[in-house]
Amino acid sequence: MRVTTSTLALVLTLAAGSAQAASFPCDKAEAPDEKAICAHLPLNDRDVEMATRFEILKAVLPMGGQSKLRDDQETWLTERRTCGAEVECLRTAYDARLKVLRAVLGEFAKQGPQ
């Protein structure tokens, strides 16, 4: 399957455009980090982008890459939780994770047909 950069960009645009809330149900948010994400639109937007990129990568990476992606995501979520409701800490955490996911997706798109 060939995944082009323009195809990935289109998928991300469509997913981001249709997303109205965080990647989890805000009405059930109990943890301080989740409540802060739901209360701050820029964090909410980062969460939606992160979840969208994660799902795309999960779908296109080979099996070993999927396992590493999931493990890295679990580690990142644990680290995110340590921010509590501190918005700046959460912003920094999301920015770092998005940088990684964007880079992986960019590299995958450059590889061409598998």
N, C-alpha and C. Protein backbone atom coordinates (compact mmCIF):
# COMPACT_ATOMS: atom_id res chain seq x y z
N MET A 1 0.85 -1.18 0.00
CA MET A 1 0.00 0.00 0.00
C MET A 1 0.88 1.23 0.00
N ARG A 2 0.62 2.15 -0.91
CA ARG A 2 1.39 3.39 -0.99
C ARG A 2 0.62 4.50 -0.28
N VAL A 3 1.27 5.12 0.69
CA VAL A 3 0.68 6.24 1.41
C VAL A 3 1.50 7.46 1.08
N THR A 4 0.88 8.44 0.45
CA THR A 4 1.60 9.65 0.09
C THR A 4 1.40 10.71 1.16
N THR A 5 2.29 11.69 1.13
CA THR A 5 2.18 12.79 2.08
C THR A 5 0.86 13.52 1.90
N SER A 6 0.43 13.71 0.65
CA SER A 6 -0.83 14.40 0.41
C SER A 6 -2.02 13.59 0.92
N THR A 7 -1.96 12.27 0.81
CA THR A 7 -3.03 11.43 1.33
C THR A 7 -3.10 11.55 2.85
N LEU A 8 -1.94 11.48 3.51
CA LEU A 8 -1.92 11.62 4.96
C LEU A 8 -2.40 12.99 5.39
N ALA A 9 -2.00 14.03 4.67
CA ALA A 9 -2.45 15.39 5.00
C ALA A 9 -3.97 15.50 4.88
N LEU A 10 -4.53 14.91 3.84
CA LEU A 10 -5.97 14.93 3.65
C LEU A 10 -6.68 14.21 4.79
N VAL A 11 -6.20 13.04 5.15
CA VAL A 11 -6.80 12.27 6.25
C VAL A 11 -6.76 13.08 7.54
N LEU A 12 -5.61 13.68 7.84
CA LEU A 12 -5.48 14.48 9.05
C LEU A 12 -6.41 15.68 9.03
N THR A 13 -6.53 16.33 7.89
CA THR A 13 -7.41 17.49 7.77
C THR A 13 -8.86 17.09 7.99
N LEU A 14 -9.28 16.01 7.36
CA LEU A 14 -10.66 15.56 7.51
C LEU A 14 -10.94 15.13 8.95
N ALA A 15 -10.02 14.41 9.54
CA ALA A 15 -10.21 13.95 10.92
C ALA A 15 -10.26 15.12 11.88
N ALA A 16 -9.36 16.07 11.71
CA ALA A 16 -9.33 17.23 12.60
C ALA A 16 -10.58 18.08 12.41
N GLY A 17 -11.05 18.18 11.16
CA GLY A 17 -12.24 18.98 10.90
C GLY A 17 -13.49 18.39 11.50
N SER A 18 -13.56 17.08 11.59
CA SER A 18 -14.75 16.44 12.12
C SER A 18 -14.69 16.26 13.64
N ALA A 19 -13.53 16.44 14.21
CA ALA A 19 -13.38 16.24 15.65
C ALA A 19 -13.90 17.46 16.40
N GLN A 20 -14.73 17.23 17.39
CA GLN A 20 -15.30 18.32 18.15
C GLN A 20 -14.83 18.32 19.60
N ALA A 21 -14.18 17.26 20.03
CA ALA A 21 -13.79 17.17 21.43
C ALA A 21 -12.52 16.37 21.56
N ALA A 22 -12.05 16.26 22.78
CA ALA A 22 -10.85 15.50 23.06
C ALA A 22 -11.02 14.05 22.61
N SER A 23 -9.93 13.30 22.68
CA SER A 23 -9.95 11.91 22.25
C SER A 23 -10.64 10.99 23.25
N PHE A 24 -11.12 11.57 24.31
CA PHE A 24 -11.84 10.82 25.35
C PHE A 24 -13.09 11.62 25.69
N PRO A 25 -14.09 10.99 26.31
CA PRO A 25 -15.32 11.72 26.62
C PRO A 25 -15.13 12.72 27.77
N CYS A 26 -15.23 14.01 27.45
CA CYS A 26 -15.00 15.04 28.46
C CYS A 26 -16.04 14.97 29.58
N ASP A 27 -17.23 14.51 29.28
CA ASP A 27 -18.24 14.43 30.33
C ASP A 27 -17.92 13.36 31.37
N LYS A 28 -16.95 12.50 31.05
CA LYS A 28 -16.53 11.46 32.01
C LYS A 28 -15.13 11.71 32.55
N ALA A 29 -14.55 12.86 32.21
CA ALA A 29 -13.20 13.18 32.67
C ALA A 29 -13.18 13.32 34.19
N GLU A 30 -12.27 12.60 34.83
CA GLU A 30 -12.14 12.66 36.27
C GLU A 30 -10.75 13.10 36.70
N ALA A 31 -9.74 12.68 35.95
CA ALA A 31 -8.35 13.01 36.29
C ALA A 31 -8.09 14.49 36.02
N PRO A 32 -7.24 15.12 36.81
CA PRO A 32 -6.94 16.54 36.63
C PRO A 32 -6.43 16.88 35.23
N ASP A 33 -5.59 16.01 34.64
CA ASP A 33 -5.08 16.30 33.30
C ASP A 33 -6.21 16.27 32.28
N GLU A 34 -7.10 15.31 32.39
CA GLU A 34 -8.22 15.22 31.46
C GLU A 34 -9.15 16.42 31.59
N LYS A 35 -9.43 16.84 32.82
CA LYS A 35 -10.29 18.01 33.03
C LYS A 35 -9.67 19.25 32.43
N ALA A 36 -8.36 19.41 32.59
CA ALA A 36 -7.67 20.58 32.03
C ALA A 36 -7.70 20.55 30.51
N ILE A 37 -7.54 19.37 29.92
CA ILE A 37 -7.57 19.23 28.46
C ILE A 37 -8.95 19.62 27.94
N CYS A 38 -9.98 19.19 28.61
CA CYS A 38 -11.34 19.51 28.19
C CYS A 38 -11.67 20.99 28.38
N ALA A 39 -11.06 21.62 29.38
CA ALA A 39 -11.35 23.02 29.69
C ALA A 39 -10.58 24.02 28.84
N HIS A 40 -9.52 23.58 28.18
CA HIS A 40 -8.66 24.49 27.41
C HIS A 40 -8.64 24.04 25.95
N LEU A 41 -9.27 24.84 25.08
CA LEU A 41 -9.38 24.49 23.67
C LEU A 41 -8.04 24.17 23.00
N PRO A 42 -6.97 24.96 23.24
CA PRO A 42 -5.70 24.60 22.59
C PRO A 42 -5.18 23.21 23.01
N LEU A 43 -5.39 22.83 24.26
CA LEU A 43 -4.99 21.49 24.70
C LEU A 43 -5.89 20.44 24.06
N ASN A 44 -7.17 20.74 24.00
CA ASN A 44 -8.13 19.85 23.38
C ASN A 44 -7.74 19.61 21.92
N ASP A 45 -7.38 20.68 21.22
CA ASP A 45 -6.97 20.55 19.82
C ASP A 45 -5.71 19.69 19.69
N ARG A 46 -4.76 19.88 20.59
CA ARG A 46 -3.54 19.06 20.55
C ARG A 46 -3.87 17.59 20.80
N ASP A 47 -4.80 17.35 21.73
CA ASP A 47 -5.19 15.98 22.04
C ASP A 47 -5.83 15.31 20.82
N VAL A 48 -6.68 16.03 20.13
CA VAL A 48 -7.34 15.48 18.94
C VAL A 48 -6.29 15.18 17.86
N GLU A 49 -5.36 16.11 17.65
CA GLU A 49 -4.32 15.87 16.64
C GLU A 49 -3.46 14.68 17.02
N MET A 50 -3.09 14.60 18.30
CA MET A 50 -2.26 13.49 18.76
C MET A 50 -2.99 12.16 18.55
N ALA A 51 -4.24 12.10 18.92
CA ALA A 51 -5.02 10.86 18.77
C ALA A 51 -5.19 10.48 17.30
N THR A 52 -5.41 11.47 16.45
CA THR A 52 -5.57 11.21 15.03
C THR A 52 -4.29 10.66 14.42
N ARG A 53 -3.17 11.30 14.72
CA ARG A 53 -1.89 10.83 14.20
C ARG A 53 -1.56 9.43 14.74
N PHE A 54 -1.85 9.20 16.00
CA PHE A 54 -1.62 7.89 16.61
C PHE A 54 -2.42 6.81 15.88
N GLU A 55 -3.69 7.08 15.62
CA GLU A 55 -4.55 6.09 14.95
C GLU A 55 -4.08 5.83 13.52
N ILE A 56 -3.66 6.86 12.81
CA ILE A 56 -3.16 6.67 11.45
C ILE A 56 -1.91 5.81 11.48
N LEU A 57 -0.99 6.14 12.38
CA LEU A 57 0.25 5.35 12.47
C LEU A 57 -0.04 3.91 12.86
N LYS A 58 -0.97 3.71 13.78
CA LYS A 58 -1.33 2.35 14.19
C LYS A 58 -1.81 1.54 12.99
N ALA A 59 -2.49 2.22 12.07
CA ALA A 59 -3.05 1.53 10.91
C ALA A 59 -2.01 1.24 9.83
N VAL A 60 -0.96 2.03 9.75
CA VAL A 60 -0.03 1.87 8.62
C VAL A 60 1.33 1.28 9.00
N LEU A 61 1.69 1.32 10.26
CA LEU A 61 2.99 0.77 10.65
C LEU A 61 2.96 -0.75 10.66
N PRO A 62 4.10 -1.40 10.36
CA PRO A 62 4.16 -2.85 10.48
C PRO A 62 4.02 -3.27 11.94
N MET A 63 3.76 -4.55 12.16
CA MET A 63 3.48 -5.09 13.49
C MET A 63 4.45 -4.62 14.57
N GLY A 64 5.75 -4.74 14.35
CA GLY A 64 6.73 -4.33 15.35
C GLY A 64 6.66 -2.84 15.65
N GLY A 65 6.40 -2.05 14.62
CA GLY A 65 6.26 -0.61 14.79
C GLY A 65 5.02 -0.27 15.59
N GLN A 66 3.96 -1.03 15.40
CA GLN A 66 2.73 -0.80 16.15
C GLN A 66 2.94 -1.04 17.64
N SER A 67 3.67 -2.10 17.97
CA SER A 67 3.94 -2.41 19.39
C SER A 67 4.73 -1.30 20.05
N LYS A 68 5.76 -0.83 19.37
CA LYS A 68 6.57 0.26 19.92
C LYS A 68 5.73 1.52 20.05
N LEU A 69 4.91 1.80 19.05
CA LEU A 69 4.04 2.98 19.09
C LEU A 69 3.13 2.93 20.31
N ARG A 70 2.49 1.78 20.54
CA ARG A 70 1.60 1.63 21.70
C ARG A 70 2.36 1.76 23.01
N ASP A 71 3.52 1.14 23.10
CA ASP A 71 4.33 1.24 24.33
C ASP A 71 4.74 2.68 24.60
N ASP A 72 5.19 3.36 23.55
CA ASP A 72 5.59 4.77 23.70
C ASP A 72 4.40 5.64 24.10
N GLN A 73 3.23 5.33 23.56
CA GLN A 73 2.03 6.11 23.89
C GLN A 73 1.64 5.91 25.36
N GLU A 74 1.72 4.68 25.83
CA GLU A 74 1.41 4.41 27.24
C GLU A 74 2.39 5.13 28.16
N THR A 75 3.66 5.12 27.81
CA THR A 75 4.67 5.84 28.60
C THR A 75 4.35 7.32 28.60
N TRP A 76 4.01 7.87 27.43
CA TRP A 76 3.69 9.28 27.32
C TRP A 76 2.45 9.63 28.15
N LEU A 77 1.42 8.79 28.10
CA LEU A 77 0.21 9.06 28.89
C LEU A 77 0.51 9.08 30.39
N THR A 78 1.37 8.19 30.83
CA THR A 78 1.77 8.18 32.24
C THR A 78 2.48 9.48 32.59
N GLU A 79 3.36 9.92 31.71
CA GLU A 79 4.06 11.19 31.95
C GLU A 79 3.09 12.37 31.91
N ARG A 80 2.13 12.34 30.99
CA ARG A 80 1.15 13.43 30.90
C ARG A 80 0.36 13.55 32.20
N ARG A 81 0.01 12.42 32.77
CA ARG A 81 -0.79 12.44 34.01
C ARG A 81 -0.05 13.14 35.15
N THR A 82 1.28 13.11 35.12
CA THR A 82 2.04 13.78 36.19
C THR A 82 1.91 15.30 36.13
N CYS A 83 1.45 15.83 35.00
CA CYS A 83 1.23 17.27 34.88
C CYS A 83 0.04 17.73 35.72
N GLY A 84 -0.87 16.81 36.01
CA GLY A 84 -2.08 17.22 36.70
C GLY A 84 -2.82 18.23 35.85
N ALA A 85 -3.27 19.31 36.46
CA ALA A 85 -4.03 20.34 35.76
C ALA A 85 -3.16 21.50 35.29
N GLU A 86 -1.84 21.35 35.35
CA GLU A 86 -0.93 22.43 34.95
C GLU A 86 -0.91 22.55 33.43
N VAL A 87 -1.55 23.59 32.93
CA VAL A 87 -1.74 23.77 31.49
C VAL A 87 -0.40 23.86 30.76
N GLU A 88 0.55 24.60 31.28
CA GLU A 88 1.84 24.74 30.58
C GLU A 88 2.57 23.41 30.50
N CYS A 89 2.52 22.62 31.54
CA CYS A 89 3.13 21.29 31.53
C CYS A 89 2.45 20.41 30.48
N LEU A 90 1.13 20.45 30.43
CA LEU A 90 0.38 19.66 29.45
C LEU A 90 0.71 20.11 28.03
N ARG A 91 0.79 21.42 27.81
CA ARG A 91 1.13 21.95 26.48
C ARG A 91 2.50 21.43 26.05
N THR A 92 3.46 21.50 26.97
CA THR A 92 4.81 21.03 26.67
C THR A 92 4.81 19.53 26.36
N ALA A 93 4.05 18.77 27.12
CA ALA A 93 3.97 17.32 26.90
C ALA A 93 3.37 17.01 25.53
N TYR A 94 2.29 17.69 25.19
CA TYR A 94 1.67 17.47 23.88
C TYR A 94 2.59 17.90 22.75
N ASP A 95 3.23 19.05 22.91
CA ASP A 95 4.12 19.51 21.84
C ASP A 95 5.24 18.52 21.58
N ALA A 96 5.79 17.95 22.64
CA ALA A 96 6.87 16.96 22.48
C ALA A 96 6.34 15.69 21.80
N ARG A 97 5.19 15.22 22.22
CA ARG A 97 4.63 13.99 21.64
C ARG A 97 4.24 14.22 20.17
N LEU A 98 3.65 15.35 19.89
CA LEU A 98 3.27 15.65 18.51
C LEU A 98 4.49 15.75 17.61
N LYS A 99 5.57 16.29 18.12
CA LYS A 99 6.80 16.38 17.33
C LYS A 99 7.25 14.99 16.90
N VAL A 100 7.21 14.05 17.84
CA VAL A 100 7.61 12.66 17.54
C VAL A 100 6.66 12.03 16.53
N LEU A 101 5.35 12.14 16.78
CA LEU A 101 4.38 11.51 15.88
C LEU A 101 4.43 12.11 14.48
N ARG A 102 4.61 13.43 14.40
CA ARG A 102 4.73 14.07 13.08
C ARG A 102 5.96 13.55 12.35
N ALA A 103 7.06 13.40 13.07
CA ALA A 103 8.30 12.93 12.45
C ALA A 103 8.14 11.49 11.96
N VAL A 104 7.56 10.62 12.76
CA VAL A 104 7.36 9.22 12.36
C VAL A 104 6.45 9.15 11.15
N LEU A 105 5.38 9.90 11.17
CA LEU A 105 4.45 9.91 10.05
C LEU A 105 5.12 10.45 8.79
N GLY A 106 5.91 11.49 8.95
CA GLY A 106 6.65 12.06 7.81
C GLY A 106 7.63 11.06 7.22
N GLU A 107 8.35 10.36 8.07
CA GLU A 107 9.31 9.35 7.59
C GLU A 107 8.59 8.20 6.90
N PHE A 108 7.48 7.78 7.46
CA PHE A 108 6.72 6.69 6.85
C PHE A 108 6.23 7.10 5.47
N ALA A 109 5.74 8.32 5.34
CA ALA A 109 5.23 8.80 4.07
C ALA A 109 6.34 8.87 3.01
N LYS A 110 7.57 9.18 3.42
CA LYS A 110 8.69 9.28 2.49
C LYS A 110 9.11 7.90 1.94
N GLN A 111 8.81 6.84 2.69
CA GLN A 111 9.26 5.51 2.30
C GLN A 111 8.58 5.00 1.05
N GLY A 112 7.42 5.49 0.74
CA GLY A 112 6.74 5.04 -0.47
C GLY A 112 6.15 3.65 -0.32
N PRO A 113 6.03 2.92 -1.43
CA PRO A 113 5.38 1.60 -1.38
C PRO A 113 6.14 0.63 -0.49
N GLN A 114 5.38 -0.18 0.21
CA GLN A 114 5.97 -1.19 1.09
C GLN A 114 5.92 -2.55 0.45
